[in-house]
Structures are given as C-alpha cells and as structure tokens.
C-alpha cells in the first residue's frame, strides 16, 4: 500500500512538471537509418564481399539437393539404388542445414561487430540532434506500443543526413 501511495505522489509531481513544460516528440526508424546511411552501405558492402561467394555456393548446393529430390520423386531409381539415393539426400540435406545455419550465424556475428560503431555514432547523432532542436522525447518507430505517429514527427531522413555528416567528419 505504501508503494502505491508513493507511486501516486511521484506521479502527481511528475505530471505537474511535465504539464508546464513544452513537450516536443520525435520518432525515427533505426533500421531505415542504418540501411540508407553511408555507414550502413559501407557495412553492407563489407558483408557482401565477405559472404557472397559462400552464399552462392550454398545456393548451388541447395539446387543440387532439389534436383536429387526430384529424381527420387520421379522414381528414376529402383531398389538398392533408390535407398542409397534417399540416404544420400538425407545426409546431404542435414549437412546443408548445418552449413547454412553456421553461415547465417557468421553473417549475424559479423553484422553485429561491424554495426556496433555505427549504432554508437547514431546514438550520439540522435542525442545531439534532439538536444539541439529541443526534443523532449524521441522514440524508435519499432518500439512496441507506438500505435499512432502523427505526420511531421518522423525525423528519420534528417538523422540519415546527420549520420552521413558524422561519417564524413570522421566521428
């Protein structure tokens, strides 16, 4: 009961302070900023350079597995050969799934590693921009619970430009 009363008193005082202050709210889309900024394009280029060849190889292996499955389904084999091909398909399919899972984990780990400095810079850019422009609160659009966002509150495009400026400045 004491906690509820304390919470109510704190809420009243907080509400009074907020009621007299001008509240300026902004929203942004972190994913879009990272994808469209120069930083994001640079990270994507590095990821493509590192993982495209392996991705193409996995795609080819997947196509080979599909061909083998179609041969098995068309009854192109019979008897012992069919059993051997089914066993081969299962083994190769299992191996492919393990390779693909490892490939995805490697991409995710590299993306996280390359993305850390970008997100750190973005955080500073958001803080500086919001402080300089008098924003009280800024939310990521993907925050759960944001059901409606009025036009004019989205500062994503401005933040992309600011992040690009920070990259050019070498920050």
C-alpha atoms as a PDB file:
ATOM      1  CA  UNK A   1       0.000   0.000   0.000  1.00  0.00           C
ATOM      2  CA  UNK A   2       2.868   2.330   0.823  1.00  0.00           C
ATOM      3  CA  UNK A   3       4.360   1.687  -2.604  1.00  0.00           C
ATOM      4  CA  UNK A   4       1.096   2.597  -4.323  1.00  0.00           C
ATOM      5  CA  UNK A   5       0.789   5.842  -2.354  1.00  0.00           C
ATOM      6  CA  UNK A   6       4.405   6.749  -3.060  1.00  0.00           C
ATOM      7  CA  UNK A   7       3.903   5.993  -6.741  1.00  0.00           C
ATOM      8  CA  UNK A   8       0.765   8.169  -6.820  1.00  0.00           C
ATOM      9  CA  UNK A   9       2.533  11.103  -5.160  1.00  0.00           C
ATOM     10  CA  UNK A  10       5.509  10.803  -7.531  1.00  0.00           C
ATOM     11  CA  UNK A  11       3.165  10.630 -10.495  1.00  0.00           C
ATOM     12  CA  UNK A  12       1.347  13.825  -9.405  1.00  0.00           C
ATOM     13  CA  UNK A  13       4.606  15.740  -9.046  1.00  0.00           C
ATOM     14  CA  UNK A  14       5.924  14.391 -12.327  1.00  0.00           C
ATOM     15  CA  UNK A  15       2.680  15.235 -14.103  1.00  0.00           C
ATOM     16  CA  UNK A  16       2.769  18.813 -12.814  1.00  0.00           C
ATOM     17  CA  UNK A  17       6.315  19.333 -14.058  1.00  0.00           C
ATOM     18  CA  UNK A  18       5.525  17.853 -17.444  1.00  0.00           C
ATOM     19  CA  UNK A  19       2.260  19.745 -17.792  1.00  0.00           C
ATOM     20  CA  UNK A  20       4.036  23.108 -17.721  1.00  0.00           C
ATOM     21  CA  UNK A  21       6.925  22.091 -19.945  1.00  0.00           C
ATOM     22  CA  UNK A  22       6.538  22.082 -23.700  1.00  0.00           C
ATOM     23  CA  UNK A  23       6.806  18.514 -24.880  1.00  0.00           C
ATOM     24  CA  UNK A  24       8.337  18.006 -28.282  1.00  0.00           C
ATOM     25  CA  UNK A  25       8.283  14.415 -29.508  1.00  0.00           C
ATOM     26  CA  UNK A  26      10.090  12.817 -32.427  1.00  0.00           C
ATOM     27  CA  UNK A  27      10.176   9.359 -33.927  1.00  0.00           C
ATOM     28  CA  UNK A  28      12.782   7.697 -36.102  1.00  0.00           C
ATOM     29  CA  UNK A  29      13.407   4.337 -37.738  1.00  0.00           C
ATOM     30  CA  UNK A  30      16.777   2.917 -36.702  1.00  0.00           C
ATOM     31  CA  UNK A  31      16.657   0.133 -39.282  1.00  0.00           C
ATOM     32  CA  UNK A  32      15.986   2.566 -42.127  1.00  0.00           C
ATOM     33  CA  UNK A  33      18.691   4.964 -40.922  1.00  0.00           C
ATOM     34  CA  UNK A  34      21.288   2.208 -40.787  1.00  0.00           C
ATOM     35  CA  UNK A  35      20.298   0.781 -44.182  1.00  0.00           C
ATOM     36  CA  UNK A  36      20.192   4.093 -46.034  1.00  0.00           C
ATOM     37  CA  UNK A  37      23.143   5.866 -44.430  1.00  0.00           C
ATOM     38  CA  UNK A  38      26.669   5.814 -45.810  1.00  0.00           C
ATOM     39  CA  UNK A  39      27.726   3.784 -42.772  1.00  0.00           C
ATOM     40  CA  UNK A  40      25.080   1.165 -43.494  1.00  0.00           C
ATOM     41  CA  UNK A  41      26.012   0.953 -47.156  1.00  0.00           C
ATOM     42  CA  UNK A  42      29.661   0.503 -46.193  1.00  0.00           C
ATOM     43  CA  UNK A  43      28.786  -2.304 -43.750  1.00  0.00           C
ATOM     44  CA  UNK A  44      26.570  -3.991 -46.345  1.00  0.00           C
ATOM     45  CA  UNK A  45      29.406  -3.792 -48.884  1.00  0.00           C
ATOM     46  CA  UNK A  46      31.827  -5.442 -46.458  1.00  0.00           C
ATOM     47  CA  UNK A  47      29.311  -8.184 -45.667  1.00  0.00           C
ATOM     48  CA  UNK A  48      28.652  -8.811 -49.349  1.00  0.00           C
ATOM     49  CA  UNK A  49      32.358  -9.003 -50.099  1.00  0.00           C
ATOM     50  CA  UNK A  50      32.921 -11.479 -47.317  1.00  0.00           C
ATOM     51  CA  UNK A  51      29.851 -13.715 -47.642  1.00  0.00           C
ATOM     52  CA  UNK A  52      28.564 -13.590 -51.230  1.00  0.00           C
ATOM     53  CA  UNK A  53      30.768 -16.408 -52.505  1.00  0.00           C
ATOM     54  CA  UNK A  54      29.725 -18.741 -49.673  1.00  0.00           C
ATOM     55  CA  UNK A  55      26.071 -17.789 -50.172  1.00  0.00           C
ATOM     56  CA  UNK A  56      26.293 -18.604 -53.864  1.00  0.00           C
ATOM     57  CA  UNK A  57      27.919 -21.942 -53.054  1.00  0.00           C
ATOM     58  CA  UNK A  58      25.131 -22.797 -50.586  1.00  0.00           C
ATOM     59  CA  UNK A  59      22.522 -21.805 -53.152  1.00  0.00           C
ATOM     60  CA  UNK A  60      24.097 -24.126 -55.726  1.00  0.00           C
ATOM     61  CA  UNK A  61      24.221 -26.971 -53.207  1.00  0.00           C
ATOM     62  CA  UNK A  62      20.539 -26.374 -52.422  1.00  0.00           C
ATOM     63  CA  UNK A  63      19.674 -26.543 -56.120  1.00  0.00           C
ATOM     64  CA  UNK A  64      21.612 -29.825 -56.412  1.00  0.00           C
ATOM     65  CA  UNK A  65      19.625 -31.220 -53.483  1.00  0.00           C
ATOM     66  CA  UNK A  66      16.376 -30.175 -55.175  1.00  0.00           C
ATOM     67  CA  UNK A  67      17.439 -31.950 -58.369  1.00  0.00           C
ATOM     68  CA  UNK A  68      18.254 -35.110 -56.435  1.00  0.00           C
ATOM     69  CA  UNK A  69      14.894 -34.929 -54.657  1.00  0.00           C
ATOM     70  CA  UNK A  70      13.096 -34.545 -57.994  1.00  0.00           C
ATOM     71  CA  UNK A  71      14.954 -37.597 -59.371  1.00  0.00           C
ATOM     72  CA  UNK A  72      13.940 -39.622 -56.323  1.00  0.00           C
ATOM     73  CA  UNK A  73      10.320 -38.440 -56.571  1.00  0.00           C
ATOM     74  CA  UNK A  74      10.187 -39.295 -60.284  1.00  0.00           C
ATOM     75  CA  UNK A  75      11.155 -42.882 -59.473  1.00  0.00           C
ATOM     76  CA  UNK A  76      14.289 -42.624 -61.629  1.00  0.00           C
ATOM     77  CA  UNK A  77      15.925 -45.185 -59.343  1.00  0.00           C
ATOM     78  CA  UNK A  78      14.761 -48.520 -58.043  1.00  0.00           C
ATOM     79  CA  UNK A  79      15.692 -50.990 -55.345  1.00  0.00           C
ATOM     80  CA  UNK A  80      19.030 -50.565 -53.629  1.00  0.00           C
ATOM     81  CA  UNK A  81      19.950 -47.521 -55.712  1.00  0.00           C
ATOM     82  CA  UNK A  82      16.794 -45.722 -54.553  1.00  0.00           C
ATOM     83  CA  UNK A  83      17.594 -46.456 -50.909  1.00  0.00           C
ATOM     84  CA  UNK A  84      21.150 -45.222 -51.395  1.00  0.00           C
ATOM     85  CA  UNK A  85      19.937 -42.003 -53.053  1.00  0.00           C
ATOM     86  CA  UNK A  86      17.391 -41.373 -50.266  1.00  0.00           C
ATOM     87  CA  UNK A  87      20.131 -41.879 -47.666  1.00  0.00           C
ATOM     88  CA  UNK A  88      22.420 -39.560 -49.622  1.00  0.00           C
ATOM     89  CA  UNK A  89      19.666 -36.919 -49.850  1.00  0.00           C
ATOM     90  CA  UNK A  90      19.061 -37.058 -46.093  1.00  0.00           C
ATOM     91  CA  UNK A  91      22.769 -36.853 -45.286  1.00  0.00           C
ATOM     92  CA  UNK A  92      23.439 -34.024 -47.715  1.00  0.00           C
ATOM     93  CA  UNK A  93      20.310 -32.203 -46.576  1.00  0.00           C
ATOM     94  CA  UNK A  94      21.381 -32.443 -42.951  1.00  0.00           C
ATOM     95  CA  UNK A  95      24.886 -31.250 -43.855  1.00  0.00           C
ATOM     96  CA  UNK A  96      23.437 -28.369 -45.878  1.00  0.00           C
ATOM     97  CA  UNK A  97      21.199 -27.301 -42.985  1.00  0.00           C
ATOM     98  CA  UNK A  98      24.193 -27.277 -40.625  1.00  0.00           C
ATOM     99  CA  UNK A  99      26.297 -25.302 -43.116  1.00  0.00           C
ATOM    100  CA  UNK A 100      23.505 -22.826 -43.758  1.00  0.00           C
ATOM    101  CA  UNK A 101      22.917 -22.321 -40.040  1.00  0.00           C
ATOM    102  CA  UNK A 102      26.635 -21.692 -39.495  1.00  0.00           C
ATOM    103  CA  UNK A 103      26.621 -19.289 -42.465  1.00  0.00           C
ATOM    104  CA  UNK A 104      23.711 -17.313 -41.026  1.00  0.00           C
ATOM    105  CA  UNK A 105      25.341 -17.167 -37.579  1.00  0.00           C
ATOM    106  CA  UNK A 106      28.601 -15.949 -39.113  1.00  0.00           C
ATOM    107  CA  UNK A 107      26.771 -13.208 -41.022  1.00  0.00           C
ATOM    108  CA  UNK A 108      24.881 -12.173 -37.896  1.00  0.00           C
ATOM    109  CA  UNK A 109      28.059 -12.080 -35.791  1.00  0.00           C
ATOM    110  CA  UNK A 110      29.913 -10.034 -38.404  1.00  0.00           C
ATOM    111  CA  UNK A 111      26.943  -7.704 -38.835  1.00  0.00           C
ATOM    112  CA  UNK A 112      26.789  -7.146 -35.083  1.00  0.00           C
ATOM    113  CA  UNK A 113      30.523  -6.487 -34.929  1.00  0.00           C
ATOM    114  CA  UNK A 114      30.523  -4.072 -37.868  1.00  0.00           C
ATOM    115  CA  UNK A 115      27.308  -2.434 -36.660  1.00  0.00           C
ATOM    116  CA  UNK A 116      28.473  -1.569 -33.136  1.00  0.00           C
ATOM    117  CA  UNK A 117      30.382   1.587 -34.112  1.00  0.00           C
ATOM    118  CA  UNK A 118      27.542   2.648 -36.412  1.00  0.00           C
ATOM    119  CA  UNK A 119      24.958   2.340 -33.652  1.00  0.00           C
ATOM    120  CA  UNK A 120      27.221   4.126 -31.203  1.00  0.00           C
ATOM    121  CA  UNK A 121      27.661   7.023 -33.631  1.00  0.00           C
ATOM    122  CA  UNK A 122      23.928   7.015 -34.391  1.00  0.00           C
ATOM    123  CA  UNK A 123      23.127   7.233 -30.688  1.00  0.00           C
ATOM    124  CA  UNK A 124      25.354  10.311 -30.373  1.00  0.00           C
ATOM    125  CA  UNK A 125      23.841  11.855 -33.508  1.00  0.00           C
ATOM    126  CA  UNK A 126      20.311  11.327 -32.139  1.00  0.00           C
ATOM    127  CA  UNK A 127      21.228  12.801 -28.754  1.00  0.00           C
ATOM    128  CA  UNK A 128      22.949  15.826 -30.302  1.00  0.00           C
ATOM    129  CA  UNK A 129      20.184  16.446 -32.847  1.00  0.00           C
ATOM    130  CA  UNK A 130      17.366  16.139 -30.312  1.00  0.00           C
ATOM    131  CA  UNK A 131      19.142  18.360 -27.784  1.00  0.00           C
ATOM    132  CA  UNK A 132      19.925  20.982 -30.434  1.00  0.00           C
ATOM    133  CA  UNK A 133      16.351  21.011 -31.724  1.00  0.00           C
ATOM    134  CA  UNK A 134      14.545  20.965 -28.384  1.00  0.00           C
ATOM    135  CA  UNK A 135      13.047  17.498 -28.494  1.00  0.00           C
ATOM    136  CA  UNK A 136      11.885  16.156 -25.139  1.00  0.00           C
ATOM    137  CA  UNK A 137      11.406  12.554 -26.237  1.00  0.00           C
ATOM    138  CA  UNK A 138      12.466  10.532 -29.276  1.00  0.00           C
ATOM    139  CA  UNK A 139      11.196   7.023 -29.977  1.00  0.00           C
ATOM    140  CA  UNK A 140      12.248   4.378 -32.442  1.00  0.00           C
ATOM    141  CA  UNK A 141       9.222   3.589 -34.642  1.00  0.00           C
ATOM    142  CA  UNK A 142       9.674  -0.091 -33.961  1.00  0.00           C
ATOM    143  CA  UNK A 143       9.134   0.414 -30.231  1.00  0.00           C
ATOM    144  CA  UNK A 144       6.257  -1.785 -29.070  1.00  0.00           C
ATOM    145  CA  UNK A 145       3.225   0.213 -28.096  1.00  0.00           C
ATOM    146  CA  UNK A 146       3.502   3.033 -30.614  1.00  0.00           C
ATOM    147  CA  UNK A 147       0.155   2.654 -32.335  1.00  0.00           C
ATOM    148  CA  UNK A 148      -0.098   6.078 -33.971  1.00  0.00           C
ATOM    149  CA  UNK A 149       2.507   8.535 -35.166  1.00  0.00           C
ATOM    150  CA  UNK A 150       1.373  11.892 -36.494  1.00  0.00           C
ATOM    151  CA  UNK A 151       2.878  13.289 -39.672  1.00  0.00           C
ATOM    152  CA  UNK A 152       5.762  15.613 -39.013  1.00  0.00           C
ATOM    153  CA  UNK A 153       7.148  13.725 -36.029  1.00  0.00           C
ATOM    154  CA  UNK A 154       9.365  11.409 -38.083  1.00  0.00           C
ATOM    155  CA  UNK A 155      12.961  12.662 -38.173  1.00  0.00           C
ATOM    156  CA  UNK A 156      14.446   9.574 -39.846  1.00  0.00           C
ATOM    157  CA  UNK A 157      15.538  11.360 -43.037  1.00  0.00           C
ATOM    158  CA  UNK A 158      17.164  14.176 -41.080  1.00  0.00           C
ATOM    159  CA  UNK A 159      19.026  11.669 -38.913  1.00  0.00           C
ATOM    160  CA  UNK A 160      20.304   9.856 -42.018  1.00  0.00           C
ATOM    161  CA  UNK A 161      21.773  13.157 -43.224  1.00  0.00           C
ATOM    162  CA  UNK A 162      23.245  13.874 -39.789  1.00  0.00           C
ATOM    163  CA  UNK A 163      24.794  10.398 -39.593  1.00  0.00           C
ATOM    164  CA  UNK A 164      26.285  10.854 -43.059  1.00  0.00           C
ATOM    165  CA  UNK A 165      27.743  14.199 -41.924  1.00  0.00           C
ATOM    166  CA  UNK A 166      29.242  12.487 -38.876  1.00  0.00           C
ATOM    167  CA  UNK A 167      30.803   9.815 -41.118  1.00  0.00           C
ATOM    168  CA  UNK A 168      32.307  12.428 -43.416  1.00  0.00           C
ATOM    169  CA  UNK A 169      33.634  14.293 -40.391  1.00  0.00           C
ATOM    170  CA  UNK A 170      35.321  11.087 -39.270  1.00  0.00           C
ATOM    171  CA  UNK A 171      33.458  10.737 -35.989  1.00  0.00           C
END
